[in-house]
Amino acid sequence: MKKILLFIAVSALTFSSHAQIKYIDKANMDLTVKPGDNFYAYANGGWLKTTVMPSTKTRWGSFDILREESSQNLKTLLEEAAGKKSRSRVEQMCGDFYASGMDSMQLEKLGAMPVKKDLEQVDAEVFIVELKAAAIDVVAEVALERGVDVVLAANDVVPLASDTDLDERLLGMAKFAS
């Protein structure tokens, strides 16, 4: 939940500062080519002539540029939020989160200690679920060995007196569900 709130806050900061964007730029087109002769060259010719692919990339296009610009804008926003003395609650949360992730020496020193209680809680919850499942398996196995019919429903073992009892229980479950 905290990650979702952080994402929303960072997105709000990112998108609130954008100016009007030009979606089709004729500078990226080659207007000397007739669209009917070679539409690709017509639509992309200017871009192909002027754009230099970075040597560190294996591909480069408008979406790659958009990704790079977005990443840089996000980094700038987070660095500003981390460095401000007077900031809003959202800026404080985003800035502190970013700064905590950038302090690699402190992260190495702390290891998993900051989330140890959370991990123990998850382990305890998983253990309880596994314990219930194991208990149900044992009860079902014993019931089968003794010839007792059972229904496993909602993590409970329900003994049945007869097939009619099963029909009544299933009908009751259907009424409850509807």
C-alpha atoms as a PDB file:
ATOM      1  CA  MET A   1       0.000   0.000   0.000  1.00  0.00           C
ATOM      2  CA  LYS A   2       2.837   2.378   0.843  1.00  0.00           C
ATOM      3  CA  LYS A   3       4.445   1.653  -2.544  1.00  0.00           C
ATOM      4  CA  ILE A   4       1.200   2.470  -4.347  1.00  0.00           C
ATOM      5  CA  LEU A   5       0.821   5.771  -2.487  1.00  0.00           C
ATOM      6  CA  LEU A   6       4.442   6.631  -3.233  1.00  0.00           C
ATOM      7  CA  PHE A   7       3.953   5.841  -6.926  1.00  0.00           C
ATOM      8  CA  ILE A   8       0.838   8.034  -7.076  1.00  0.00           C
ATOM      9  CA  ALA A   9       2.615  10.889  -5.326  1.00  0.00           C
ATOM     10  CA  VAL A  10       5.658  10.709  -7.599  1.00  0.00           C
ATOM     11  CA  SER A  11       3.426  10.471 -10.679  1.00  0.00           C
ATOM     12  CA  ALA A  12       1.485  13.545  -9.559  1.00  0.00           C
ATOM     13  CA  LEU A  13       4.718  15.472  -9.113  1.00  0.00           C
ATOM     14  CA  THR A  14       5.994  14.324 -12.512  1.00  0.00           C
ATOM     15  CA  PHE A  15       2.895  15.078 -14.568  1.00  0.00           C
ATOM     16  CA  SER A  16       2.041  18.396 -12.930  1.00  0.00           C
ATOM     17  CA  SER A  17       5.142  20.081 -14.351  1.00  0.00           C
ATOM     18  CA  HIS A  18       4.802  19.159 -18.063  1.00  0.00           C
ATOM     19  CA  ALA A  19       4.293  21.788 -20.760  1.00  0.00           C
ATOM     20  CA  GLN A  20       2.299  21.279 -23.960  1.00  0.00           C
ATOM     21  CA  ILE A  21       3.825  18.435 -25.994  1.00  0.00           C
ATOM     22  CA  LYS A  22       4.050  18.427 -29.795  1.00  0.00           C
ATOM     23  CA  TYR A  23       2.978  14.938 -30.907  1.00  0.00           C
ATOM     24  CA  ILE A  24       3.702  15.171 -34.630  1.00  0.00           C
ATOM     25  CA  ASP A  25       6.795  17.164 -35.469  1.00  0.00           C
ATOM     26  CA  LYS A  26       7.196  17.872 -39.169  1.00  0.00           C
ATOM     27  CA  ALA A  27      10.935  18.227 -38.589  1.00  0.00           C
ATOM     28  CA  ASN A  28      11.015  14.437 -38.191  1.00  0.00           C
ATOM     29  CA  MET A  29       9.438  13.976 -41.619  1.00  0.00           C
ATOM     30  CA  ASP A  30      11.092  14.110 -45.031  1.00  0.00           C
ATOM     31  CA  LEU A  31       8.665  16.253 -47.017  1.00  0.00           C
ATOM     32  CA  THR A  32      10.772  15.840 -50.185  1.00  0.00           C
ATOM     33  CA  VAL A  33       9.595  12.220 -50.456  1.00  0.00           C
ATOM     34  CA  LYS A  34       6.110  11.545 -51.788  1.00  0.00           C
ATOM     35  CA  PRO A  35       4.018   9.568 -49.254  1.00  0.00           C
ATOM     36  CA  GLY A  36       2.765   7.270 -52.028  1.00  0.00           C
ATOM     37  CA  ASP A  37       6.314   6.407 -53.129  1.00  0.00           C
ATOM     38  CA  ASN A  38       7.812   5.584 -49.720  1.00  0.00           C
ATOM     39  CA  PHE A  39       5.636   6.363 -46.742  1.00  0.00           C
ATOM     40  CA  TYR A  40       8.265   5.192 -44.224  1.00  0.00           C
ATOM     41  CA  ALA A  41      10.867   7.620 -45.605  1.00  0.00           C
ATOM     42  CA  TYR A  42       8.211  10.359 -45.780  1.00  0.00           C
ATOM     43  CA  ALA A  43       7.096   9.884 -42.169  1.00  0.00           C
ATOM     44  CA  ASN A  44      10.524   9.154 -40.614  1.00  0.00           C
ATOM     45  CA  GLY A  45      13.117  10.585 -42.993  1.00  0.00           C
ATOM     46  CA  GLY A  46      13.937  13.712 -40.974  1.00  0.00           C
ATOM     47  CA  TRP A  47      14.301  11.670 -37.803  1.00  0.00           C
ATOM     48  CA  LEU A  48      16.561   9.127 -39.491  1.00  0.00           C
ATOM     49  CA  LYS A  49      18.841  11.856 -40.923  1.00  0.00           C
ATOM     50  CA  THR A  50      19.253  13.853 -37.691  1.00  0.00           C
ATOM     51  CA  THR A  51      19.072  11.341 -34.861  1.00  0.00           C
ATOM     52  CA  VAL A  52      22.270   9.763 -33.624  1.00  0.00           C
ATOM     53  CA  MET A  53      21.882   6.526 -31.697  1.00  0.00           C
ATOM     54  CA  PRO A  54      23.889   6.549 -28.439  1.00  0.00           C
ATOM     55  CA  SER A  55      26.816   4.132 -28.551  1.00  0.00           C
ATOM     56  CA  THR A  56      25.615   2.497 -25.314  1.00  0.00           C
ATOM     57  CA  LYS A  57      22.272   1.502 -26.867  1.00  0.00           C
ATOM     58  CA  THR A  58      21.354  -1.277 -29.252  1.00  0.00           C
ATOM     59  CA  ARG A  59      18.170   0.528 -30.311  1.00  0.00           C
ATOM     60  CA  TRP A  60      16.956   4.110 -30.152  1.00  0.00           C
ATOM     61  CA  GLY A  61      13.578   5.579 -30.898  1.00  0.00           C
ATOM     62  CA  SER A  62      11.033   8.073 -29.647  1.00  0.00           C
ATOM     63  CA  PHE A  63       9.907   5.777 -26.817  1.00  0.00           C
ATOM     64  CA  ASP A  64      13.507   5.292 -25.698  1.00  0.00           C
ATOM     65  CA  ILE A  65      13.935   9.068 -25.601  1.00  0.00           C
ATOM     66  CA  LEU A  66      10.661   9.378 -23.682  1.00  0.00           C
ATOM     67  CA  ARG A  67      11.864   6.765 -21.163  1.00  0.00           C
ATOM     68  CA  GLU A  68      15.211   8.528 -20.698  1.00  0.00           C
ATOM     69  CA  GLU A  69      13.559  11.937 -20.260  1.00  0.00           C
ATOM     70  CA  SER A  70      10.988  10.542 -17.818  1.00  0.00           C
ATOM     71  CA  SER A  71      13.692   8.828 -15.776  1.00  0.00           C
ATOM     72  CA  GLN A  72      15.751  12.005 -15.657  1.00  0.00           C
ATOM     73  CA  ASN A  73      12.715  14.122 -14.692  1.00  0.00           C
ATOM     74  CA  LEU A  74      11.814  11.656 -11.955  1.00  0.00           C
ATOM     75  CA  LYS A  75      15.388  11.618 -10.647  1.00  0.00           C
ATOM     76  CA  THR A  76      15.454  15.436 -10.581  1.00  0.00           C
ATOM     77  CA  LEU A  77      12.128  15.604  -8.710  1.00  0.00           C
ATOM     78  CA  LEU A  78      13.245  13.034  -6.152  1.00  0.00           C
ATOM     79  CA  GLU A  79      16.639  14.676  -5.606  1.00  0.00           C
ATOM     80  CA  GLU A  80      14.948  18.050  -5.110  1.00  0.00           C
ATOM     81  CA  ALA A  81      12.442  16.530  -2.691  1.00  0.00           C
ATOM     82  CA  ALA A  82      15.266  14.829  -0.774  1.00  0.00           C
ATOM     83  CA  GLY A  83      17.283  18.043  -0.532  1.00  0.00           C
ATOM     84  CA  LYS A  84      14.553  20.500   0.463  1.00  0.00           C
ATOM     85  CA  LYS A  85      14.432  21.737   4.029  1.00  0.00           C
ATOM     86  CA  SER A  86      10.854  22.987   3.846  1.00  0.00           C
ATOM     87  CA  ARG A  87       8.626  20.488   2.049  1.00  0.00           C
ATOM     88  CA  SER A  88       5.115  19.077   1.942  1.00  0.00           C
ATOM     89  CA  ARG A  89       4.243  15.704   3.433  1.00  0.00           C
ATOM     90  CA  VAL A  90       4.263  14.079  -0.025  1.00  0.00           C
ATOM     91  CA  GLU A  91       7.643  15.635  -0.870  1.00  0.00           C
ATOM     92  CA  GLN A  92       9.007  14.471   2.478  1.00  0.00           C
ATOM     93  CA  MET A  93       7.824  10.893   1.928  1.00  0.00           C
ATOM     94  CA  CYS A  94       9.172  10.752  -1.646  1.00  0.00           C
ATOM     95  CA  GLY A  95      12.437  12.486  -0.768  1.00  0.00           C
ATOM     96  CA  ASP A  96      13.106  10.363   2.307  1.00  0.00           C
ATOM     97  CA  PHE A  97      12.308   7.157   0.435  1.00  0.00           C
ATOM     98  CA  TYR A  98      14.654   8.131  -2.407  1.00  0.00           C
ATOM     99  CA  ALA A  99      17.443   9.203  -0.058  1.00  0.00           C
ATOM    100  CA  SER A 100      17.170   5.971   1.917  1.00  0.00           C
ATOM    101  CA  GLY A 101      17.623   3.955  -1.268  1.00  0.00           C
ATOM    102  CA  MET A 102      20.622   6.006  -2.386  1.00  0.00           C
ATOM    103  CA  ASP A 103      22.601   5.452   0.825  1.00  0.00           C
ATOM    104  CA  SER A 104      24.132   2.137  -0.233  1.00  0.00           C
ATOM    105  CA  MET A 105      26.672   2.082   2.613  1.00  0.00           C
ATOM    106  CA  GLN A 106      23.883   2.310   5.203  1.00  0.00           C
ATOM    107  CA  LEU A 107      21.835  -0.297   3.315  1.00  0.00           C
ATOM    108  CA  GLU A 108      24.760  -2.735   3.323  1.00  0.00           C
ATOM    109  CA  LYS A 109      25.349  -2.094   7.014  1.00  0.00           C
ATOM    110  CA  LEU A 110      21.703  -2.655   8.007  1.00  0.00           C
ATOM    111  CA  GLY A 111      21.081  -5.659   5.772  1.00  0.00           C
ATOM    112  CA  ALA A 112      17.623  -7.157   6.356  1.00  0.00           C
ATOM    113  CA  MET A 113      17.277  -5.760   9.892  1.00  0.00           C
ATOM    114  CA  PRO A 114      14.759  -2.979   8.974  1.00  0.00           C
ATOM    115  CA  VAL A 115      12.304  -5.538   7.566  1.00  0.00           C
ATOM    116  CA  LYS A 116      13.038  -8.380   9.976  1.00  0.00           C
ATOM    117  CA  LYS A 117       9.761  -7.997  11.905  1.00  0.00           C
ATOM    118  CA  ASP A 118       7.782  -7.910   8.650  1.00  0.00           C
ATOM    119  CA  LEU A 119       9.511 -11.069   7.425  1.00  0.00           C
ATOM    120  CA  GLU A 120       8.843 -12.810  10.746  1.00  0.00           C
ATOM    121  CA  GLN A 121       5.153 -11.822  10.480  1.00  0.00           C
ATOM    122  CA  VAL A 122       4.957 -13.245   6.957  1.00  0.00           C
ATOM    123  CA  ASP A 123       6.699 -16.431   8.098  1.00  0.00           C
ATOM    124  CA  ALA A 124       4.229 -16.775  10.991  1.00  0.00           C
ATOM    125  CA  GLU A 125       1.218 -16.297   8.704  1.00  0.00           C
ATOM    126  CA  VAL A 126       2.565 -18.774   6.150  1.00  0.00           C
ATOM    127  CA  PHE A 127       3.247 -21.266   8.970  1.00  0.00           C
ATOM    128  CA  ILE A 128      -0.356 -20.978  10.218  1.00  0.00           C
ATOM    129  CA  VAL A 129      -1.766 -21.559   6.715  1.00  0.00           C
ATOM    130  CA  GLU A 130       0.556 -24.537   6.197  1.00  0.00           C
ATOM    131  CA  LEU A 131      -0.353 -25.913   9.629  1.00  0.00           C
ATOM    132  CA  LYS A 132      -4.091 -25.686   8.859  1.00  0.00           C
ATOM    133  CA  ALA A 133      -3.560 -27.392   5.493  1.00  0.00           C
ATOM    134  CA  ALA A 134      -1.537 -30.177   7.114  1.00  0.00           C
ATOM    135  CA  ALA A 135      -4.175 -30.664   9.817  1.00  0.00           C
ATOM    136  CA  ILE A 136      -6.935 -30.918   7.209  1.00  0.00           C
ATOM    137  CA  ASP A 137      -4.880 -33.456   5.250  1.00  0.00           C
ATOM    138  CA  VAL A 138      -4.366 -35.602   8.366  1.00  0.00           C
ATOM    139  CA  VAL A 139      -8.039 -35.476   9.350  1.00  0.00           C
ATOM    140  CA  ALA A 140      -9.132 -36.324   5.804  1.00  0.00           C
ATOM    141  CA  GLU A 141      -6.663 -39.223   5.609  1.00  0.00           C
ATOM    142  CA  VAL A 142      -7.799 -40.650   8.949  1.00  0.00           C
ATOM    143  CA  ALA A 143     -11.442 -40.245   7.911  1.00  0.00           C
ATOM    144  CA  LEU A 144     -10.806 -42.111   4.667  1.00  0.00           C
ATOM    145  CA  GLU A 145      -8.988 -44.905   6.507  1.00  0.00           C
ATOM    146  CA  ARG A 146     -11.988 -45.319   8.828  1.00  0.00           C
ATOM    147  CA  GLY A 147     -14.565 -45.071   6.041  1.00  0.00           C
ATOM    148  CA  VAL A 148     -16.034 -41.772   7.207  1.00  0.00           C
ATOM    149  CA  ASP A 149     -17.203 -39.393   4.496  1.00  0.00           C
ATOM    150  CA  VAL A 150     -16.064 -35.790   4.965  1.00  0.00           C
ATOM    151  CA  VAL A 151     -16.374 -32.521   3.077  1.00  0.00           C
ATOM    152  CA  LEU A 152     -13.511 -30.062   3.118  1.00  0.00           C
ATOM    153  CA  ALA A 153     -15.103 -26.625   3.014  1.00  0.00           C
ATOM    154  CA  ALA A 154     -13.604 -23.265   3.969  1.00  0.00           C
ATOM    155  CA  ASN A 155     -10.640 -24.895   5.729  1.00  0.00           C
ATOM    156  CA  ASP A 156     -12.967 -26.969   7.921  1.00  0.00           C
ATOM    157  CA  VAL A 157     -13.549 -30.715   7.944  1.00  0.00           C
ATOM    158  CA  VAL A 158     -17.246 -31.502   8.125  1.00  0.00           C
ATOM    159  CA  PRO A 159     -18.225 -35.103   8.974  1.00  0.00           C
ATOM    160  CA  LEU A 160     -21.240 -36.444   7.098  1.00  0.00           C
ATOM    161  CA  ALA A 161     -23.798 -38.890   8.405  1.00  0.00           C
ATOM    162  CA  SER A 162     -25.099 -39.838   4.927  1.00  0.00           C
ATOM    163  CA  ASP A 163     -25.321 -38.803   1.294  1.00  0.00           C
ATOM    164  CA  THR A 164     -28.518 -36.940   2.164  1.00  0.00           C
ATOM    165  CA  ASP A 165     -26.558 -34.976   4.771  1.00  0.00           C
ATOM    166  CA  LEU A 166     -24.079 -34.005   2.019  1.00  0.00           C
ATOM    167  CA  ASP A 167     -26.893 -32.802  -0.244  1.00  0.00           C
ATOM    168  CA  GLU A 168     -28.400 -30.736   2.583  1.00  0.00           C
ATOM    169  CA  ARG A 169     -25.031 -29.169   3.478  1.00  0.00           C
ATOM    170  CA  LEU A 170     -24.275 -28.310  -0.151  1.00  0.00           C
ATOM    171  CA  LEU A 171     -27.736 -26.798  -0.620  1.00  0.00           C
ATOM    172  CA  GLY A 172     -27.214 -24.784   2.562  1.00  0.00           C
ATOM    173  CA  MET A 173     -23.851 -23.551   1.272  1.00  0.00           C
ATOM    174  CA  ALA A 174     -25.483 -22.537  -2.030  1.00  0.00           C
ATOM    175  CA  LYS A 175     -28.216 -20.608  -0.206  1.00  0.00           C
ATOM    176  CA  PHE A 176     -25.591 -18.898   1.954  1.00  0.00           C
ATOM    177  CA  ALA A 177     -23.516 -17.935  -1.082  1.00  0.00           C
ATOM    178  CA  SER A 178     -26.435 -16.388  -2.992  1.00  0.00           C
END
